């Protein structure tokens, strides 16, 4: 990508999209295109078509998605599968129709089987049953990967899929009904500290393991992929395999370890209670990141440093969350 190229970031207000905007601006990109949901509903084909006709982006980064934690996935499965499939159907097709050069479709590590060998290689896609609690979301994201691959094969497009590990950082969702584990725990521990509560209850046993990456690291990885020389980029989208690259840090922690780190970060002094009646989800999700590492990218922010940054951001924006 050149600094003057027209780059459309779909979903620019969310955790992922806002990190991408920050990184593109830091690097000096001059023609970043965005649209609020009220201006262009990506689930509506005619609105997406009109947007592409008017703006004519040269590159597209698809960060727009319906996302959430175990509770949200369990209670709104229809919304998760419908909205996510509708979004990528419309954006990928119109990107092809309007001659977009490079497109990066962002998914999730939940695309891999529940009992997947660890660490999870890109080649393990569709090698076993999915985790039931987020199966609709995972299937939607897998269909997006397949769509990129199909268009590459039939129309010689240059559409690439990137699967980030669990992300956190500025702009995260702290709604306890729909948030992922890190923002949910940051909020829970903060509220318990402010209310002088003796305990904080956390779902599950704490035994399952997760890999976490700061959103700014993810954004740097995405721009690194889109900026690869043509020969390296073409090697990633060859027709013999799904055009798929994992983005992660290569290390994981148990949820119990994570809770202890967040407890320390928030300076909470009480006790953690584990509600074992609630689901753990997939036992372990650690990505094999050798492919992107060999392309010259490594994460820079440790979990402890990232959580400290996230908590500081949470405190700066605390009025938005209506917390204690």
C-alpha atoms as a PDB file:
ATOM      1  CA  UNK A   1       0.000   0.000   0.000  1.00  0.00           C
ATOM      2  CA  UNK A   2       1.140   3.521  -0.777  1.00  0.00           C
ATOM      3  CA  UNK A   3       0.599   6.397   1.643  1.00  0.00           C
ATOM      4  CA  UNK A   4      -1.821   8.113  -0.762  1.00  0.00           C
ATOM      5  CA  UNK A   5      -3.902   4.998  -1.549  1.00  0.00           C
ATOM      6  CA  UNK A   6      -7.587   5.073  -0.637  1.00  0.00           C
ATOM      7  CA  UNK A   7      -8.005   2.632   2.267  1.00  0.00           C
ATOM      8  CA  UNK A   8     -11.417   1.703   3.637  1.00  0.00           C
ATOM      9  CA  UNK A   9     -11.534   0.475   7.247  1.00  0.00           C
ATOM     10  CA  UNK A  10     -14.912  -1.186   7.854  1.00  0.00           C
ATOM     11  CA  UNK A  11     -15.881  -1.064  11.521  1.00  0.00           C
ATOM     12  CA  UNK A  12     -13.553   1.791  12.439  1.00  0.00           C
ATOM     13  CA  UNK A  13     -15.168   2.654  15.791  1.00  0.00           C
ATOM     14  CA  UNK A  14     -14.667  -0.739  17.475  1.00  0.00           C
ATOM     15  CA  UNK A  15     -11.730  -2.201  19.338  1.00  0.00           C
ATOM     16  CA  UNK A  16     -10.094  -3.570  16.174  1.00  0.00           C
ATOM     17  CA  UNK A  17     -11.050  -0.796  13.779  1.00  0.00           C
ATOM     18  CA  UNK A  18      -9.957   2.047  16.052  1.00  0.00           C
ATOM     19  CA  UNK A  19      -6.545   0.387  16.514  1.00  0.00           C
ATOM     20  CA  UNK A  20      -6.199   0.112  12.730  1.00  0.00           C
ATOM     21  CA  UNK A  21      -7.039   3.802  12.306  1.00  0.00           C
ATOM     22  CA  UNK A  22      -4.433   4.783  14.916  1.00  0.00           C
ATOM     23  CA  UNK A  23      -1.750   2.701  13.186  1.00  0.00           C
ATOM     24  CA  UNK A  24      -2.570   3.952   9.681  1.00  0.00           C
ATOM     25  CA  UNK A  25      -2.459   7.554  10.910  1.00  0.00           C
ATOM     26  CA  UNK A  26       0.800   6.942  12.770  1.00  0.00           C
ATOM     27  CA  UNK A  27       2.374   5.610   9.570  1.00  0.00           C
ATOM     28  CA  UNK A  28       1.207   8.627   7.566  1.00  0.00           C
ATOM     29  CA  UNK A  29      -1.565   7.179   5.375  1.00  0.00           C
ATOM     30  CA  UNK A  30      -3.478  10.140   3.958  1.00  0.00           C
ATOM     31  CA  UNK A  31      -6.704   8.762   2.472  1.00  0.00           C
ATOM     32  CA  UNK A  32      -8.404   6.662   5.147  1.00  0.00           C
ATOM     33  CA  UNK A  33     -12.103   6.091   4.404  1.00  0.00           C
ATOM     34  CA  UNK A  34     -14.632   5.361   7.160  1.00  0.00           C
ATOM     35  CA  UNK A  35     -18.400   5.223   7.576  1.00  0.00           C
ATOM     36  CA  UNK A  36     -20.545   5.084  10.691  1.00  0.00           C
ATOM     37  CA  UNK A  37     -23.212   2.367  10.845  1.00  0.00           C
ATOM     38  CA  UNK A  38     -25.956   4.975  10.478  1.00  0.00           C
ATOM     39  CA  UNK A  39     -24.301   6.185   7.252  1.00  0.00           C
ATOM     40  CA  UNK A  40     -23.770   2.743   5.719  1.00  0.00           C
ATOM     41  CA  UNK A  41     -25.338  -0.413   7.132  1.00  0.00           C
ATOM     42  CA  UNK A  42     -23.007  -3.172   5.912  1.00  0.00           C
ATOM     43  CA  UNK A  43     -25.788  -5.771   6.161  1.00  0.00           C
ATOM     44  CA  UNK A  44     -27.696  -3.862   3.448  1.00  0.00           C
ATOM     45  CA  UNK A  45     -26.410  -4.717  -0.039  1.00  0.00           C
ATOM     46  CA  UNK A  46     -27.591  -1.564  -1.825  1.00  0.00           C
ATOM     47  CA  UNK A  47     -26.004   0.723   0.773  1.00  0.00           C
ATOM     48  CA  UNK A  48     -22.684  -1.112   0.466  1.00  0.00           C
ATOM     49  CA  UNK A  49     -22.846  -0.991  -3.340  1.00  0.00           C
ATOM     50  CA  UNK A  50     -23.537   2.747  -3.319  1.00  0.00           C
ATOM     51  CA  UNK A  51     -20.654   3.332  -0.909  1.00  0.00           C
ATOM     52  CA  UNK A  52     -18.160   1.487  -3.148  1.00  0.00           C
ATOM     53  CA  UNK A  53     -19.423   3.335  -6.226  1.00  0.00           C
ATOM     54  CA  UNK A  54     -18.950   6.698  -4.521  1.00  0.00           C
ATOM     55  CA  UNK A  55     -15.661   6.144  -2.655  1.00  0.00           C
ATOM     56  CA  UNK A  56     -13.814   3.657  -4.903  1.00  0.00           C
ATOM     57  CA  UNK A  57     -11.397   2.349  -2.227  1.00  0.00           C
ATOM     58  CA  UNK A  58      -8.181   0.694  -3.450  1.00  0.00           C
ATOM     59  CA  UNK A  59      -7.727  -1.426  -0.324  1.00  0.00           C
ATOM     60  CA  UNK A  60     -10.210  -2.716   2.271  1.00  0.00           C
ATOM     61  CA  UNK A  61      -9.705  -3.882   5.857  1.00  0.00           C
ATOM     62  CA  UNK A  62     -12.759  -5.699   7.201  1.00  0.00           C
ATOM     63  CA  UNK A  63     -12.895  -5.098  10.947  1.00  0.00           C
ATOM     64  CA  UNK A  64     -16.690  -4.806  11.075  1.00  0.00           C
ATOM     65  CA  UNK A  65     -18.390  -7.691  12.871  1.00  0.00           C
ATOM     66  CA  UNK A  66     -20.989  -8.679  15.426  1.00  0.00           C
ATOM     67  CA  UNK A  67     -18.837  -9.848  18.353  1.00  0.00           C
ATOM     68  CA  UNK A  68     -19.210 -10.814  22.003  1.00  0.00           C
ATOM     69  CA  UNK A  69     -18.311 -13.240  24.762  1.00  0.00           C
ATOM     70  CA  UNK A  70     -19.834 -16.558  25.803  1.00  0.00           C
ATOM     71  CA  UNK A  71     -23.030 -14.979  27.176  1.00  0.00           C
ATOM     72  CA  UNK A  72     -23.700 -12.944  24.028  1.00  0.00           C
ATOM     73  CA  UNK A  73     -22.926 -15.868  21.718  1.00  0.00           C
ATOM     74  CA  UNK A  74     -25.179 -18.170  23.721  1.00  0.00           C
ATOM     75  CA  UNK A  75     -28.172 -15.827  23.849  1.00  0.00           C
ATOM     76  CA  UNK A  76     -28.012 -14.280  20.356  1.00  0.00           C
ATOM     77  CA  UNK A  77     -26.798 -17.047  17.995  1.00  0.00           C
ATOM     78  CA  UNK A  78     -29.118 -15.985  15.154  1.00  0.00           C
ATOM     79  CA  UNK A  79     -27.812 -12.414  15.219  1.00  0.00           C
ATOM     80  CA  UNK A  80     -24.205 -13.605  15.251  1.00  0.00           C
ATOM     81  CA  UNK A  81     -24.542 -15.827  12.198  1.00  0.00           C
ATOM     82  CA  UNK A  82     -26.877 -13.582  10.176  1.00  0.00           C
ATOM     83  CA  UNK A  83     -25.125 -10.250  10.670  1.00  0.00           C
ATOM     84  CA  UNK A  84     -21.596 -11.549  10.175  1.00  0.00           C
ATOM     85  CA  UNK A  85     -22.435 -13.461   6.995  1.00  0.00           C
ATOM     86  CA  UNK A  86     -24.383 -10.495   5.612  1.00  0.00           C
ATOM     87  CA  UNK A  87     -21.488  -8.105   6.288  1.00  0.00           C
ATOM     88  CA  UNK A  88     -18.804 -10.107   4.526  1.00  0.00           C
ATOM     89  CA  UNK A  89     -21.111 -11.185   1.695  1.00  0.00           C
ATOM     90  CA  UNK A  90     -21.775  -7.567   0.808  1.00  0.00           C
ATOM     91  CA  UNK A  91     -18.309  -6.101   1.369  1.00  0.00           C
ATOM     92  CA  UNK A  92     -16.286  -8.870  -0.292  1.00  0.00           C
ATOM     93  CA  UNK A  93     -18.573  -9.014  -3.329  1.00  0.00           C
ATOM     94  CA  UNK A  94     -18.578  -5.255  -3.845  1.00  0.00           C
ATOM     95  CA  UNK A  95     -14.805  -5.154  -3.361  1.00  0.00           C
ATOM     96  CA  UNK A  96     -14.535  -7.590  -6.264  1.00  0.00           C
ATOM     97  CA  UNK A  97     -17.100  -5.711  -8.351  1.00  0.00           C
ATOM     98  CA  UNK A  98     -15.278  -2.403  -7.904  1.00  0.00           C
ATOM     99  CA  UNK A  99     -11.719  -3.618  -8.487  1.00  0.00           C
ATOM    100  CA  UNK A 100     -10.286  -3.398  -4.966  1.00  0.00           C
ATOM    101  CA  UNK A 101      -6.623  -4.428  -5.009  1.00  0.00           C
ATOM    102  CA  UNK A 102      -5.924  -5.946  -1.588  1.00  0.00           C
ATOM    103  CA  UNK A 103      -8.584  -6.876   0.991  1.00  0.00           C
ATOM    104  CA  UNK A 104      -7.891  -8.141   4.504  1.00  0.00           C
ATOM    105  CA  UNK A 105     -10.753 -10.043   6.145  1.00  0.00           C
ATOM    106  CA  UNK A 106     -10.444 -10.297   9.933  1.00  0.00           C
ATOM    107  CA  UNK A 107     -11.836 -13.325  11.709  1.00  0.00           C
ATOM    108  CA  UNK A 108     -11.207 -15.045  15.030  1.00  0.00           C
ATOM    109  CA  UNK A 109      -9.298 -17.977  16.494  1.00  0.00           C
ATOM    110  CA  UNK A 110     -12.680 -19.594  17.280  1.00  0.00           C
ATOM    111  CA  UNK A 111     -12.734 -20.853  13.670  1.00  0.00           C
ATOM    112  CA  UNK A 112     -10.555 -23.766  14.759  1.00  0.00           C
ATOM    113  CA  UNK A 113     -11.978 -27.026  16.203  1.00  0.00           C
ATOM    114  CA  UNK A 114     -12.755 -27.271  19.919  1.00  0.00           C
ATOM    115  CA  UNK A 115     -10.244 -30.103  20.427  1.00  0.00           C
ATOM    116  CA  UNK A 116      -7.677 -28.681  18.023  1.00  0.00           C
ATOM    117  CA  UNK A 117      -4.005 -29.667  18.500  1.00  0.00           C
ATOM    118  CA  UNK A 118      -2.015 -26.866  20.121  1.00  0.00           C
ATOM    119  CA  UNK A 119      -0.695 -24.511  18.910  1.00  0.00           C
ATOM    120  CA  UNK A 120      -3.297 -24.186  16.151  1.00  0.00           C
ATOM    121  CA  UNK A 121      -1.900 -24.072  12.628  1.00  0.00           C
ATOM    122  CA  UNK A 122      -3.758 -22.526   9.702  1.00  0.00           C
ATOM    123  CA  UNK A 123      -3.959 -25.992   8.136  1.00  0.00           C
ATOM    124  CA  UNK A 124      -6.169 -27.218  11.034  1.00  0.00           C
ATOM    125  CA  UNK A 125      -9.166 -25.283   9.696  1.00  0.00           C
ATOM    126  CA  UNK A 126     -12.217 -27.601   9.283  1.00  0.00           C
ATOM    127  CA  UNK A 127     -10.376 -30.553  10.793  1.00  0.00           C
ATOM    128  CA  UNK A 128     -12.881 -31.210  13.602  1.00  0.00           C
ATOM    129  CA  UNK A 129     -16.073 -30.123  15.458  1.00  0.00           C
ATOM    130  CA  UNK A 130     -16.378 -26.523  16.646  1.00  0.00           C
ATOM    131  CA  UNK A 131     -17.014 -25.250  20.179  1.00  0.00           C
ATOM    132  CA  UNK A 132     -20.822 -25.235  20.614  1.00  0.00           C
ATOM    133  CA  UNK A 133     -21.050 -21.943  22.541  1.00  0.00           C
ATOM    134  CA  UNK A 134     -19.769 -19.882  19.594  1.00  0.00           C
ATOM    135  CA  UNK A 135     -20.472 -22.209  16.674  1.00  0.00           C
ATOM    136  CA  UNK A 136     -22.740 -19.739  14.746  1.00  0.00           C
ATOM    137  CA  UNK A 137     -20.096 -17.006  14.918  1.00  0.00           C
ATOM    138  CA  UNK A 138     -17.316 -19.426  13.968  1.00  0.00           C
ATOM    139  CA  UNK A 139     -19.245 -20.767  10.977  1.00  0.00           C
ATOM    140  CA  UNK A 140     -19.930 -17.211   9.807  1.00  0.00           C
ATOM    141  CA  UNK A 141     -16.223 -16.389   9.970  1.00  0.00           C
ATOM    142  CA  UNK A 142     -15.243 -19.626   8.222  1.00  0.00           C
ATOM    143  CA  UNK A 143     -17.643 -18.758   5.394  1.00  0.00           C
ATOM    144  CA  UNK A 144     -15.840 -15.424   5.025  1.00  0.00           C
ATOM    145  CA  UNK A 145     -12.501 -17.193   4.631  1.00  0.00           C
ATOM    146  CA  UNK A 146     -14.030 -19.528   2.048  1.00  0.00           C
ATOM    147  CA  UNK A 147     -15.501 -16.558   0.199  1.00  0.00           C
ATOM    148  CA  UNK A 148     -12.105 -14.857  -0.035  1.00  0.00           C
ATOM    149  CA  UNK A 149     -10.581 -18.110  -1.301  1.00  0.00           C
ATOM    150  CA  UNK A 150     -13.364 -18.700  -3.834  1.00  0.00           C
ATOM    151  CA  UNK A 151     -13.106 -15.189  -5.285  1.00  0.00           C
ATOM    152  CA  UNK A 152      -9.322 -15.498  -5.502  1.00  0.00           C
ATOM    153  CA  UNK A 153      -9.657 -18.747  -7.438  1.00  0.00           C
ATOM    154  CA  UNK A 154     -12.408 -17.630  -9.787  1.00  0.00           C
ATOM    155  CA  UNK A 155     -11.697 -13.929 -10.241  1.00  0.00           C
ATOM    156  CA  UNK A 156      -7.964 -13.657  -9.394  1.00  0.00           C
ATOM    157  CA  UNK A 157      -8.681 -11.218  -6.575  1.00  0.00           C
ATOM    158  CA  UNK A 158      -6.100 -10.655  -3.841  1.00  0.00           C
ATOM    159  CA  UNK A 159      -8.216 -11.189  -0.736  1.00  0.00           C
ATOM    160  CA  UNK A 160      -6.441 -12.380   2.434  1.00  0.00           C
ATOM    161  CA  UNK A 161      -7.889 -13.574   5.763  1.00  0.00           C
ATOM    162  CA  UNK A 162      -6.212 -12.887   9.098  1.00  0.00           C
ATOM    163  CA  UNK A 163      -7.266 -14.649  12.286  1.00  0.00           C
ATOM    164  CA  UNK A 164      -6.278 -12.655  15.387  1.00  0.00           C
ATOM    165  CA  UNK A 165      -6.199 -14.249  18.798  1.00  0.00           C
ATOM    166  CA  UNK A 166      -8.289 -12.786  21.648  1.00  0.00           C
ATOM    167  CA  UNK A 167      -7.857  -9.005  21.572  1.00  0.00           C
ATOM    168  CA  UNK A 168      -8.163  -6.254  24.171  1.00  0.00           C
ATOM    169  CA  UNK A 169      -7.234  -2.583  24.426  1.00  0.00           C
ATOM    170  CA  UNK A 170      -8.580   0.974  23.979  1.00  0.00           C
ATOM    171  CA  UNK A 171     -12.150   1.105  22.687  1.00  0.00           C
ATOM    172  CA  UNK A 172     -13.064  -2.264  24.185  1.00  0.00           C
ATOM    173  CA  UNK A 173     -16.631  -3.215  25.103  1.00  0.00           C
ATOM    174  CA  UNK A 174     -17.208  -3.164  28.880  1.00  0.00           C
ATOM    175  CA  UNK A 175     -20.889  -4.159  28.857  1.00  0.00           C
ATOM    176  CA  UNK A 176     -21.010  -7.212  31.129  1.00  0.00           C
ATOM    177  CA  UNK A 177     -23.756  -8.797  29.005  1.00  0.00           C
ATOM    178  CA  UNK A 178     -21.808  -8.738  25.739  1.00  0.00           C
ATOM    179  CA  UNK A 179     -18.115  -8.212  26.542  1.00  0.00           C
ATOM    180  CA  UNK A 180     -15.172 -10.591  26.260  1.00  0.00           C
ATOM    181  CA  UNK A 181     -13.268 -11.858  29.279  1.00  0.00           C
ATOM    182  CA  UNK A 182     -10.646  -9.114  29.779  1.00  0.00           C
ATOM    183  CA  UNK A 183     -12.941  -6.053  29.699  1.00  0.00           C
ATOM    184  CA  UNK A 184     -15.526  -7.956  31.764  1.00  0.00           C
ATOM    185  CA  UNK A 185     -12.962  -8.776  34.447  1.00  0.00           C
ATOM    186  CA  UNK A 186     -11.455  -5.280  34.444  1.00  0.00           C
ATOM    187  CA  UNK A 187     -14.888  -3.836  35.082  1.00  0.00           C
ATOM    188  CA  UNK A 188     -15.853  -6.461  37.669  1.00  0.00           C
ATOM    189  CA  UNK A 189     -12.690  -5.987  39.720  1.00  0.00           C
ATOM    190  CA  UNK A 190     -12.907  -2.201  39.510  1.00  0.00           C
ATOM    191  CA  UNK A 191     -16.524  -2.139  40.653  1.00  0.00           C
ATOM    192  CA  UNK A 192     -15.759  -4.561  43.486  1.00  0.00           C
ATOM    193  CA  UNK A 193     -12.882  -2.358  44.643  1.00  0.00           C
ATOM    194  CA  UNK A 194     -14.990   0.817  44.523  1.00  0.00           C
ATOM    195  CA  UNK A 195     -17.879  -0.802  46.403  1.00  0.00           C
ATOM    196  CA  UNK A 196     -15.566  -2.503  48.945  1.00  0.00           C
ATOM    197  CA  UNK A 197     -16.968  -5.907  48.001  1.00  0.00           C
ATOM    198  CA  UNK A 198     -15.259  -8.883  49.643  1.00  0.00           C
ATOM    199  CA  UNK A 199     -15.567 -11.128  46.560  1.00  0.00           C
ATOM    200  CA  UNK A 200     -15.617 -11.116  42.764  1.00  0.00           C
ATOM    201  CA  UNK A 201     -17.385 -13.986  40.988  1.00  0.00           C
ATOM    202  CA  UNK A 202     -15.840 -15.261  37.746  1.00  0.00           C
ATOM    203  CA  UNK A 203     -17.453 -17.744  35.360  1.00  0.00           C
ATOM    204  CA  UNK A 204     -16.120 -21.292  34.989  1.00  0.00           C
ATOM    205  CA  UNK A 205     -13.324 -23.199  36.654  1.00  0.00           C
ATOM    206  CA  UNK A 206     -10.490 -20.924  35.567  1.00  0.00           C
ATOM    207  CA  UNK A 207      -8.658 -23.895  34.065  1.00  0.00           C
ATOM    208  CA  UNK A 208      -9.134 -23.159  30.362  1.00  0.00           C
ATOM    209  CA  UNK A 209      -6.295 -21.323  28.657  1.00  0.00           C
ATOM    210  CA  UNK A 210      -6.394 -18.317  26.349  1.00  0.00           C
ATOM    211  CA  UNK A 211      -3.948 -16.244  24.332  1.00  0.00           C
ATOM    212  CA  UNK A 212      -4.387 -12.469  24.499  1.00  0.00           C
ATOM    213  CA  UNK A 213      -2.944  -9.695  22.342  1.00  0.00           C
ATOM    214  CA  UNK A 214      -3.077  -5.923  22.674  1.00  0.00           C
ATOM    215  CA  UNK A 215      -5.076  -4.336  19.842  1.00  0.00           C
ATOM    216  CA  UNK A 216      -2.258  -2.040  18.690  1.00  0.00           C
ATOM    217  CA  UNK A 217      -0.035  -5.088  18.097  1.00  0.00           C
ATOM    218  CA  UNK A 218      -2.804  -6.606  15.990  1.00  0.00           C
ATOM    219  CA  UNK A 219      -3.109  -3.416  13.928  1.00  0.00           C
ATOM    220  CA  UNK A 220       0.619  -3.389  13.210  1.00  0.00           C
ATOM    221  CA  UNK A 221       0.417  -7.014  12.081  1.00  0.00           C
ATOM    222  CA  UNK A 222      -2.455  -6.229   9.697  1.00  0.00           C
ATOM    223  CA  UNK A 223      -0.656  -3.299   8.066  1.00  0.00           C
ATOM    224  CA  UNK A 224       2.484  -5.435   7.837  1.00  0.00           C
ATOM    225  CA  UNK A 225       0.549  -8.078   5.878  1.00  0.00           C
ATOM    226  CA  UNK A 226      -1.054  -5.565   3.526  1.00  0.00           C
ATOM    227  CA  UNK A 227       2.306  -3.902   2.901  1.00  0.00           C
ATOM    228  CA  UNK A 228       4.160  -7.092   1.923  1.00  0.00           C
ATOM    229  CA  UNK A 229       5.977  -7.152  -1.429  1.00  0.00           C
ATOM    230  CA  UNK A 230       3.903  -8.687  -4.214  1.00  0.00           C
ATOM    231  CA  UNK A 231       5.754 -12.011  -4.281  1.00  0.00           C
ATOM    232  CA  UNK A 232       5.301 -12.595  -0.541  1.00  0.00           C
ATOM    233  CA  UNK A 233       1.664 -11.499  -0.614  1.00  0.00           C
ATOM    234  CA  UNK A 234       0.894 -13.732  -3.597  1.00  0.00           C
ATOM    235  CA  UNK A 235       2.404 -16.703  -1.763  1.00  0.00           C
ATOM    236  CA  UNK A 236      -0.199 -16.220   0.981  1.00  0.00           C
ATOM    237  CA  UNK A 237      -3.133 -16.253  -1.446  1.00  0.00           C
ATOM    238  CA  UNK A 238      -2.089 -19.108  -3.715  1.00  0.00           C
ATOM    239  CA  UNK A 239      -5.040 -21.276  -4.715  1.00  0.00           C
ATOM    240  CA  UNK A 240      -3.759 -24.475  -3.091  1.00  0.00           C
ATOM    241  CA  UNK A 241      -4.671 -23.448   0.456  1.00  0.00           C
ATOM    242  CA  UNK A 242      -7.052 -21.105   2.230  1.00  0.00           C
ATOM    243  CA  UNK A 243      -5.666 -17.525   2.211  1.00  0.00           C
ATOM    244  CA  UNK A 244      -5.263 -17.527   5.970  1.00  0.00           C
ATOM    245  CA  UNK A 245      -2.709 -16.102   8.430  1.00  0.00           C
ATOM    246  CA  UNK A 246      -2.813 -16.352  12.224  1.00  0.00           C
ATOM    247  CA  UNK A 247      -2.018 -13.252  14.301  1.00  0.00           C
ATOM    248  CA  UNK A 248      -1.059 -13.873  17.920  1.00  0.00           C
ATOM    249  CA  UNK A 249       1.688 -13.665  20.495  1.00  0.00           C
ATOM    250  CA  UNK A 250       2.456 -17.384  20.822  1.00  0.00           C
ATOM    251  CA  UNK A 251       1.847 -17.532  24.603  1.00  0.00           C
ATOM    252  CA  UNK A 252      -1.262 -18.265  26.650  1.00  0.00           C
ATOM    253  CA  UNK A 253      -2.413 -18.124  30.273  1.00  0.00           C
ATOM    254  CA  UNK A 254      -5.153 -19.835  32.238  1.00  0.00           C
ATOM    255  CA  UNK A 255      -8.220 -17.749  33.065  1.00  0.00           C
ATOM    256  CA  UNK A 256      -7.276 -18.209  36.717  1.00  0.00           C
ATOM    257  CA  UNK A 257      -3.850 -16.667  36.036  1.00  0.00           C
ATOM    258  CA  UNK A 258      -5.473 -13.867  34.035  1.00  0.00           C
ATOM    259  CA  UNK A 259      -7.870 -13.081  36.890  1.00  0.00           C
ATOM    260  CA  UNK A 260      -4.952 -12.794  39.306  1.00  0.00           C
ATOM    261  CA  UNK A 261      -3.104 -10.396  36.981  1.00  0.00           C
ATOM    262  CA  UNK A 262      -6.207  -8.227  36.582  1.00  0.00           C
ATOM    263  CA  UNK A 263      -6.828  -8.319  40.319  1.00  0.00           C
ATOM    264  CA  UNK A 264      -3.306  -6.950  40.837  1.00  0.00           C
ATOM    265  CA  UNK A 265      -3.664  -4.413  37.997  1.00  0.00           C
ATOM    266  CA  UNK A 266      -6.866  -2.989  39.502  1.00  0.00           C
ATOM    267  CA  UNK A 267      -5.487  -3.155  43.076  1.00  0.00           C
ATOM    268  CA  UNK A 268      -8.454  -5.202  44.291  1.00  0.00           C
ATOM    269  CA  UNK A 269      -7.868  -6.798  47.709  1.00  0.00           C
ATOM    270  CA  UNK A 270     -10.777  -9.250  47.987  1.00  0.00           C
ATOM    271  CA  UNK A 271     -11.315 -12.907  47.073  1.00  0.00           C
ATOM    272  CA  UNK A 272     -12.090 -14.513  43.715  1.00  0.00           C
ATOM    273  CA  UNK A 273     -15.043 -16.943  43.649  1.00  0.00           C
ATOM    274  CA  UNK A 274     -15.316 -19.369  40.714  1.00  0.00           C
ATOM    275  CA  UNK A 275     -18.838 -20.159  39.495  1.00  0.00           C
ATOM    276  CA  UNK A 276     -18.295 -23.668  38.135  1.00  0.00           C
ATOM    277  CA  UNK A 277     -21.938 -23.927  37.033  1.00  0.00           C
ATOM    278  CA  UNK A 278     -21.041 -21.627  34.126  1.00  0.00           C
ATOM    279  CA  UNK A 279     -19.255 -22.880  30.964  1.00  0.00           C
ATOM    280  CA  UNK A 280     -15.519 -22.622  30.373  1.00  0.00           C
ATOM    281  CA  UNK A 281     -15.741 -22.736  26.586  1.00  0.00           C
ATOM    282  CA  UNK A 282     -12.958 -24.266  24.483  1.00  0.00           C
ATOM    283  CA  UNK A 283     -10.266 -25.837  26.730  1.00  0.00           C
ATOM    284  CA  UNK A 284      -7.364 -24.100  25.007  1.00  0.00           C
ATOM    285  CA  UNK A 285      -6.853 -21.720  22.086  1.00  0.00           C
ATOM    286  CA  UNK A 286      -3.224 -20.977  21.255  1.00  0.00           C
ATOM    287  CA  UNK A 287      -2.332 -19.935  17.728  1.00  0.00           C
ATOM    288  CA  UNK A 288       0.684 -21.093  15.773  1.00  0.00           C
ATOM    289  CA  UNK A 289       2.119 -17.782  14.528  1.00  0.00           C
ATOM    290  CA  UNK A 290       5.149 -19.128  12.682  1.00  0.00           C
ATOM    291  CA  UNK A 291       3.762 -18.010   9.297  1.00  0.00           C
ATOM    292  CA  UNK A 292       3.533 -14.309  10.168  1.00  0.00           C
ATOM    293  CA  UNK A 293       6.714 -14.464  12.250  1.00  0.00           C
ATOM    294  CA  UNK A 294       8.611 -15.724   9.201  1.00  0.00           C
ATOM    295  CA  UNK A 295       7.268 -12.695   7.331  1.00  0.00           C
ATOM    296  CA  UNK A 296       9.033 -10.394   9.770  1.00  0.00           C
ATOM    297  CA  UNK A 297       6.418  -9.472  12.376  1.00  0.00           C
ATOM    298  CA  UNK A 298       6.509  -9.956  16.161  1.00  0.00           C
ATOM    299  CA  UNK A 299       4.248  -8.477  18.891  1.00  0.00           C
ATOM    300  CA  UNK A 300       5.751  -5.803  21.131  1.00  0.00           C
ATOM    301  CA  UNK A 301       3.426  -5.403  24.149  1.00  0.00           C
ATOM    302  CA  UNK A 302       3.388  -7.891  27.045  1.00  0.00           C
ATOM    303  CA  UNK A 303       0.122  -8.959  28.686  1.00  0.00           C
ATOM    304  CA  UNK A 304       0.948  -7.136  31.928  1.00  0.00           C
ATOM    305  CA  UNK A 305       1.830  -3.909  30.112  1.00  0.00           C
ATOM    306  CA  UNK A 306      -1.223  -4.157  27.881  1.00  0.00           C
ATOM    307  CA  UNK A 307      -3.577  -4.724  30.811  1.00  0.00           C
ATOM    308  CA  UNK A 308      -2.130  -1.707  32.589  1.00  0.00           C
ATOM    309  CA  UNK A 309      -2.731   0.439  29.483  1.00  0.00           C
ATOM    310  CA  UNK A 310      -6.266  -0.947  29.147  1.00  0.00           C
ATOM    311  CA  UNK A 311      -7.151  -0.245  32.766  1.00  0.00           C
ATOM    312  CA  UNK A 312      -5.832   3.311  32.469  1.00  0.00           C
ATOM    313  CA  UNK A 313      -7.982   3.806  29.365  1.00  0.00           C
ATOM    314  CA  UNK A 314     -10.988   2.347  31.181  1.00  0.00           C
ATOM    315  CA  UNK A 315     -10.530   4.818  34.061  1.00  0.00           C
ATOM    316  CA  UNK A 316     -10.181   7.759  31.655  1.00  0.00           C
ATOM    317  CA  UNK A 317     -13.501   6.849  30.022  1.00  0.00           C
ATOM    318  CA  UNK A 318     -15.314   5.564  33.083  1.00  0.00           C
ATOM    319  CA  UNK A 319     -18.271   7.935  32.697  1.00  0.00           C
ATOM    320  CA  UNK A 320     -19.253   6.126  29.476  1.00  0.00           C
ATOM    321  CA  UNK A 321     -19.716   2.818  31.271  1.00  0.00           C
ATOM    322  CA  UNK A 322     -21.970   3.965  34.141  1.00  0.00           C
ATOM    323  CA  UNK A 323     -19.904   2.057  36.693  1.00  0.00           C
ATOM    324  CA  UNK A 324     -19.673   2.590  40.444  1.00  0.00           C
END
